């Protein structure tokens, strides 16, 4: 096994990880204050190659909606996790195309609008979602809870191929498990600390396996 890293190398979560998580979380909650519901199909808008392209995710995020429950981008392939510019990306830092579309629909001012009657202009706007993968929508009532009814509405996955994501997540858990002994216990600490880490990786693999099945 590789030698244990210095404590300074792994004692803290990267600041960029925390900052990006806060940006996405705040965007999600502000979306709720503006009237947006969860959109669990937002994370299925883009394929794996697009998610692995920092230039793409900087512009579009890791999904078409911040109203999804999306995990951080942590591929099993370390080359994809750390792009050529050396700056990892973890969470969406921009609101998605679906979010902008929903806000436009909800907040567009229509002259002579009558309550309960959909104006033609809004009907035309809404119809865009029928032909655009980035505008697909499924919310809490549609969430499959891994029962197989619709794998594209599962939470905590990324990409247009959910099976690929969950297989990759099992691979990530396996890779991290191999280095758990060198990353979870400092000199002089009890080896029982490693139990928590091993359980975490096993739970991650079990969850991914359940969704994949």
Protein backbone atom coordinates (compact mmCIF):
# COMPACT_ATOMS: atom_id res chain seq x y z
CA UNK A 1 0.00 0.00 0.00
CA UNK A 2 1.11 3.62 -0.48
CA UNK A 3 2.67 5.37 2.53
CA UNK A 4 0.30 7.34 4.77
CA UNK A 5 -0.08 10.99 3.66
CA UNK A 6 0.91 13.83 5.89
CA UNK A 7 -1.97 15.00 8.07
CA UNK A 8 -1.90 18.40 6.35
CA UNK A 9 -2.76 16.74 3.04
CA UNK A 10 -6.18 15.47 4.14
CA UNK A 11 -7.20 17.01 7.45
CA UNK A 12 -9.64 19.43 5.86
CA UNK A 13 -12.25 19.36 3.12
CA UNK A 14 -11.10 21.63 0.23
CA UNK A 15 -12.42 25.16 0.63
CA UNK A 16 -13.60 25.15 -2.99
CA UNK A 17 -15.76 22.09 -2.26
CA UNK A 18 -17.50 23.86 0.61
CA UNK A 19 -17.91 27.12 -1.30
CA UNK A 20 -19.39 25.41 -4.37
CA UNK A 21 -21.76 23.36 -2.19
CA UNK A 22 -23.00 26.56 -0.54
CA UNK A 23 -23.55 28.29 -3.89
CA UNK A 24 -25.63 25.40 -5.24
CA UNK A 25 -27.59 25.01 -1.99
CA UNK A 26 -28.42 28.71 -1.79
CA UNK A 27 -29.45 28.71 -5.46
CA UNK A 28 -31.74 25.74 -4.79
CA UNK A 29 -33.40 27.38 -1.77
CA UNK A 30 -33.80 30.75 -3.49
CA UNK A 31 -35.50 28.83 -6.30
CA UNK A 32 -38.05 27.61 -3.77
CA UNK A 33 -38.68 31.15 -2.53
CA UNK A 34 -39.40 32.13 -6.14
CA UNK A 35 -41.93 29.34 -6.47
CA UNK A 36 -39.90 26.58 -8.12
CA UNK A 37 -40.50 22.96 -7.16
CA UNK A 38 -37.95 20.15 -7.20
CA UNK A 39 -37.00 18.93 -10.65
CA UNK A 40 -35.49 15.46 -10.38
CA UNK A 41 -34.90 15.19 -14.11
CA UNK A 42 -32.57 18.17 -14.13
CA UNK A 43 -29.55 15.96 -13.46
CA UNK A 44 -30.20 13.80 -16.55
CA UNK A 45 -29.77 16.56 -19.12
CA UNK A 46 -26.08 16.03 -19.90
CA UNK A 47 -23.92 13.03 -20.79
CA UNK A 48 -20.77 11.86 -19.03
CA UNK A 49 -18.39 13.52 -21.50
CA UNK A 50 -20.11 16.87 -20.98
CA UNK A 51 -19.93 16.50 -17.20
CA UNK A 52 -16.20 15.77 -17.47
CA UNK A 53 -15.59 18.99 -19.43
CA UNK A 54 -14.92 21.90 -17.02
CA UNK A 55 -15.61 24.49 -19.73
CA UNK A 56 -19.04 22.93 -20.28
CA UNK A 57 -19.99 22.68 -16.61
CA UNK A 58 -18.73 26.20 -15.93
CA UNK A 59 -21.27 27.41 -18.48
CA UNK A 60 -24.13 24.96 -17.93
CA UNK A 61 -23.60 23.38 -14.51
CA UNK A 62 -23.83 19.66 -13.80
CA UNK A 63 -27.52 19.56 -14.62
CA UNK A 64 -30.26 21.62 -16.22
CA UNK A 65 -31.75 22.58 -12.84
CA UNK A 66 -30.44 23.48 -9.40
CA UNK A 67 -33.81 22.24 -8.11
CA UNK A 68 -32.64 18.62 -8.35
CA UNK A 69 -30.91 16.80 -5.47
CA UNK A 70 -27.54 16.40 -7.13
CA UNK A 71 -24.38 14.87 -5.65
CA UNK A 72 -20.93 16.39 -6.15
CA UNK A 73 -19.02 15.47 -9.30
CA UNK A 74 -16.68 12.77 -7.97
CA UNK A 75 -15.92 10.32 -10.80
CA UNK A 76 -13.93 7.18 -10.06
CA UNK A 77 -11.37 8.18 -12.70
CA UNK A 78 -9.01 10.58 -10.95
CA UNK A 79 -8.02 12.09 -14.30
CA UNK A 80 -11.61 13.26 -14.74
CA UNK A 81 -11.84 14.44 -11.14
CA UNK A 82 -8.85 16.76 -11.62
CA UNK A 83 -8.98 18.54 -15.01
CA UNK A 84 -5.95 19.82 -16.87
CA UNK A 85 -6.16 23.27 -15.32
CA UNK A 86 -5.80 21.63 -11.89
CA UNK A 87 -9.01 23.13 -10.52
CA UNK A 88 -11.62 20.50 -9.60
CA UNK A 89 -15.31 21.31 -10.09
CA UNK A 90 -17.79 19.74 -7.68
CA UNK A 91 -21.19 21.46 -7.88
CA UNK A 92 -23.15 23.63 -10.30
CA UNK A 93 -22.27 27.30 -9.94
CA UNK A 94 -24.92 28.58 -12.37
CA UNK A 95 -28.69 28.20 -12.47
CA UNK A 96 -29.81 25.76 -15.11
CA UNK A 97 -31.63 26.22 -18.37
CA UNK A 98 -34.79 24.71 -16.88
CA UNK A 99 -34.66 27.17 -13.96
CA UNK A 100 -34.47 30.16 -16.28
CA UNK A 101 -37.27 28.72 -18.39
CA UNK A 102 -39.55 28.21 -15.36
CA UNK A 103 -38.85 31.70 -14.03
CA UNK A 104 -39.59 33.20 -17.45
CA UNK A 105 -42.91 31.35 -17.53
CA UNK A 106 -43.87 32.33 -14.00
CA UNK A 107 -42.82 35.95 -14.07
CA UNK A 108 -43.49 37.11 -17.63
CA UNK A 109 -45.98 39.98 -17.58
CA UNK A 110 -48.91 39.48 -19.96
CA UNK A 111 -51.16 42.42 -20.78
CA UNK A 112 -54.80 41.70 -20.05
CA UNK A 113 -54.02 38.41 -18.29
CA UNK A 114 -57.05 36.66 -16.75
CA UNK A 115 -56.67 34.40 -13.72
CA UNK A 116 -57.07 30.73 -14.59
CA UNK A 117 -56.67 31.26 -18.34
CA UNK A 118 -53.34 30.44 -20.00
CA UNK A 119 -52.42 33.15 -22.53
CA UNK A 120 -51.22 31.98 -25.93
CA UNK A 121 -47.78 33.46 -25.32
CA UNK A 122 -47.31 31.34 -22.19
CA UNK A 123 -48.66 28.23 -23.90
CA UNK A 124 -46.05 28.70 -26.61
CA UNK A 125 -43.34 29.14 -23.99
CA UNK A 126 -44.44 26.04 -22.09
CA UNK A 127 -44.48 23.94 -25.26
CA UNK A 128 -40.69 24.30 -25.58
CA UNK A 129 -40.24 21.63 -22.92
CA UNK A 130 -41.72 18.96 -25.21
CA UNK A 131 -38.73 19.17 -27.55
CA UNK A 132 -35.82 20.00 -25.25
CA UNK A 133 -34.08 17.50 -22.94
CA UNK A 134 -32.84 20.36 -20.75
CA UNK A 135 -36.44 21.38 -19.98
CA UNK A 136 -37.75 18.01 -18.79
CA UNK A 137 -39.50 18.06 -15.41
CA UNK A 138 -40.40 15.57 -12.68
CA UNK A 139 -41.04 16.51 -9.07
CA UNK A 140 -41.71 14.96 -5.65
CA UNK A 141 -44.79 13.01 -6.72
CA UNK A 142 -42.74 11.44 -9.54
CA UNK A 143 -39.70 10.43 -7.47
CA UNK A 144 -39.26 6.68 -7.87
CA UNK A 145 -37.47 6.04 -4.55
CA UNK A 146 -35.43 3.40 -6.41
CA UNK A 147 -38.48 1.18 -7.03
CA UNK A 148 -37.72 1.20 -10.75
CA UNK A 149 -40.77 3.13 -11.91
CA UNK A 150 -38.63 5.80 -13.58
CA UNK A 151 -34.84 5.65 -13.15
CA UNK A 152 -34.55 9.16 -14.55
CA UNK A 153 -36.26 10.65 -11.50
CA UNK A 154 -33.88 9.14 -8.94
CA UNK A 155 -32.10 11.57 -6.65
CA UNK A 156 -28.37 11.90 -5.99
CA UNK A 157 -27.17 10.86 -9.43
CA UNK A 158 -25.69 12.68 -12.40
CA UNK A 159 -25.82 12.26 -16.16
CA UNK A 160 -28.12 11.06 -18.89
CA UNK A 161 -27.20 7.41 -18.17
CA UNK A 162 -28.11 6.67 -14.51
CA UNK A 163 -26.76 3.11 -14.73
CA UNK A 164 -23.35 4.40 -15.80
CA UNK A 165 -23.31 6.81 -12.85
CA UNK A 166 -24.12 4.14 -10.26
CA UNK A 167 -21.62 1.64 -11.68
CA UNK A 168 -18.99 4.37 -11.52
CA UNK A 169 -19.98 5.17 -7.92
CA UNK A 170 -19.41 1.54 -6.94
CA UNK A 171 -15.97 1.76 -8.57
CA UNK A 172 -15.23 4.95 -6.63
CA UNK A 173 -16.19 3.26 -3.36
CA UNK A 174 -13.93 0.32 -4.18
CA UNK A 175 -10.97 2.60 -4.99
CA UNK A 176 -11.36 4.63 -1.81
CA UNK A 177 -11.81 1.52 0.31
CA UNK A 178 -8.35 0.31 -0.75
CA UNK A 179 -6.75 3.43 0.73
CA UNK A 180 -9.01 3.69 3.80
CA UNK A 181 -6.35 2.39 6.16
CA UNK A 182 -3.95 5.15 5.17
CA UNK A 183 -6.51 7.94 5.17
CA UNK A 184 -8.65 7.40 8.23
CA UNK A 185 -6.29 6.80 11.15
CA UNK A 186 -3.49 9.09 12.25
CA UNK A 187 -0.48 7.92 14.23
CA UNK A 188 -1.53 7.19 17.79
CA UNK A 189 -5.27 7.01 17.03
CA UNK A 190 -7.48 3.98 17.54
CA UNK A 191 -8.03 1.74 14.53
CA UNK A 192 -11.73 1.74 15.39
CA UNK A 193 -11.87 5.07 13.56
CA UNK A 194 -11.48 3.12 10.34
CA UNK A 195 -14.79 1.33 10.96
CA UNK A 196 -16.72 4.54 10.30
CA UNK A 197 -14.92 5.09 6.99
CA UNK A 198 -15.35 1.50 5.81
CA UNK A 199 -19.06 1.58 6.65
CA UNK A 200 -19.43 4.81 4.68
CA UNK A 201 -17.94 3.29 1.54
CA UNK A 202 -19.98 0.11 1.92
CA UNK A 203 -23.20 2.13 2.31
CA UNK A 204 -22.32 4.17 -0.79
CA UNK A 205 -21.75 0.99 -2.80
CA UNK A 206 -24.95 -0.58 -1.47
CA UNK A 207 -27.00 2.50 -2.38
CA UNK A 208 -25.49 2.67 -5.88
CA UNK A 209 -26.05 -1.05 -6.37
CA UNK A 210 -29.69 -0.73 -5.32
CA UNK A 211 -30.35 2.10 -7.77
CA UNK A 212 -28.44 0.27 -10.54
CA UNK A 213 -30.55 -2.86 -10.01
